[in-house]
Amino acid sequence: MTVLLLCLVAVFASTEQGIDWAIISAATLMTSGPLLVAFLLFQRQFVQSFMRAGIR
């Protein structure tokens, strides 16, 4: 997550006006949002796969 934030700051940073944190926050949410939704949808299968792998 830190690498994502640093990349977004490098892309959207303007030396004249400073950093527009609203744009960076929106871009971070748009980037990490789908991953969070996918994890929440498949949380049970994700946890069960680790449980099965630990038993073997």
C-alpha atoms as a PDB file:
ATOM      1  CA  MET A   1       0.000   0.000   0.000  1.00  0.00           C
ATOM      2  CA  THR A   2       2.884   2.353   0.717  1.00  0.00           C
ATOM      3  CA  VAL A   3       4.328   1.817  -2.759  1.00  0.00           C
ATOM      4  CA  LEU A   4       0.955   2.706  -4.280  1.00  0.00           C
ATOM      5  CA  LEU A   5       0.776   5.919  -2.269  1.00  0.00           C
ATOM      6  CA  LEU A   6       4.322   6.913  -3.220  1.00  0.00           C
ATOM      7  CA  CYS A   7       3.608   6.304  -6.910  1.00  0.00           C
ATOM      8  CA  LEU A   8       0.431   8.360  -6.764  1.00  0.00           C
ATOM      9  CA  VAL A   9       2.227  11.197  -4.997  1.00  0.00           C
ATOM     10  CA  ALA A  10       4.946  11.149  -7.648  1.00  0.00           C
ATOM     11  CA  VAL A  11       2.378  11.283 -10.453  1.00  0.00           C
ATOM     12  CA  PHE A  12       0.025  13.901  -9.000  1.00  0.00           C
ATOM     13  CA  ALA A  13       2.526  16.074  -7.119  1.00  0.00           C
ATOM     14  CA  SER A  14       2.952  19.575  -8.452  1.00  0.00           C
ATOM     15  CA  THR A  15       5.893  21.546  -7.188  1.00  0.00           C
ATOM     16  CA  GLU A  16       4.151  24.891  -7.726  1.00  0.00           C
ATOM     17  CA  GLN A  17       0.905  24.224  -5.869  1.00  0.00           C
ATOM     18  CA  GLY A  18       1.860  21.386  -3.555  1.00  0.00           C
ATOM     19  CA  ILE A  19       0.244  17.975  -3.302  1.00  0.00           C
ATOM     20  CA  ASP A  20      -3.483  17.626  -3.950  1.00  0.00           C
ATOM     21  CA  TRP A  21      -4.339  15.012  -1.320  1.00  0.00           C
ATOM     22  CA  ALA A  22      -7.981  14.776  -2.421  1.00  0.00           C
ATOM     23  CA  ILE A  23      -6.969  13.433  -5.842  1.00  0.00           C
ATOM     24  CA  ILE A  24      -4.438  11.062  -4.314  1.00  0.00           C
ATOM     25  CA  SER A  25      -7.005   9.756  -1.819  1.00  0.00           C
ATOM     26  CA  ALA A  26      -9.570   9.221  -4.570  1.00  0.00           C
ATOM     27  CA  ALA A  27      -7.050   7.412  -6.772  1.00  0.00           C
ATOM     28  CA  THR A  28      -5.989   5.219  -3.858  1.00  0.00           C
ATOM     29  CA  LEU A  29      -9.592   4.272  -3.154  1.00  0.00           C
ATOM     30  CA  MET A  30     -10.251   3.532  -6.828  1.00  0.00           C
ATOM     31  CA  THR A  31      -7.149   1.327  -6.939  1.00  0.00           C
ATOM     32  CA  SER A  32      -7.621  -0.590  -3.693  1.00  0.00           C
ATOM     33  CA  GLY A  33     -11.437  -0.635  -3.639  1.00  0.00           C
ATOM     34  CA  PRO A  34     -11.945  -3.492  -6.117  1.00  0.00           C
ATOM     35  CA  LEU A  35      -9.401  -5.639  -4.248  1.00  0.00           C
ATOM     36  CA  LEU A  36     -11.213  -5.050  -0.974  1.00  0.00           C
ATOM     37  CA  VAL A  37     -14.587  -5.905  -2.535  1.00  0.00           C
ATOM     38  CA  ALA A  38     -13.156  -9.096  -4.067  1.00  0.00           C
ATOM     39  CA  PHE A  39     -11.695 -10.124  -0.707  1.00  0.00           C
ATOM     40  CA  LEU A  40     -14.995  -9.505   1.068  1.00  0.00           C
ATOM     41  CA  LEU A  41     -16.893 -11.539  -1.536  1.00  0.00           C
ATOM     42  CA  PHE A  42     -14.471 -14.481  -1.429  1.00  0.00           C
ATOM     43  CA  GLN A  43     -13.426 -14.243   2.212  1.00  0.00           C
ATOM     44  CA  ARG A  44     -14.803 -17.646   3.179  1.00  0.00           C
ATOM     45  CA  GLN A  45     -13.023 -19.454   0.316  1.00  0.00           C
ATOM     46  CA  PHE A  46      -9.822 -17.530   1.041  1.00  0.00           C
ATOM     47  CA  VAL A  47      -9.758 -18.537   4.696  1.00  0.00           C
ATOM     48  CA  GLN A  48     -10.768 -22.128   3.952  1.00  0.00           C
ATOM     49  CA  SER A  49      -7.906 -22.507   1.476  1.00  0.00           C
ATOM     50  CA  PHE A  50      -5.433 -21.528   4.192  1.00  0.00           C
ATOM     51  CA  MET A  51      -7.096 -23.871   6.639  1.00  0.00           C
ATOM     52  CA  ARG A  52      -6.866 -26.793   4.201  1.00  0.00           C
ATOM     53  CA  ALA A  53      -3.235 -25.992   3.350  1.00  0.00           C
ATOM     54  CA  GLY A  54      -2.305 -25.900   7.044  1.00  0.00           C
ATOM     55  CA  ILE A  55      -3.843 -29.310   7.735  1.00  0.00           C
ATOM     56  CA  ARG A  56      -1.855 -31.127   5.028  1.00  0.00           C
END
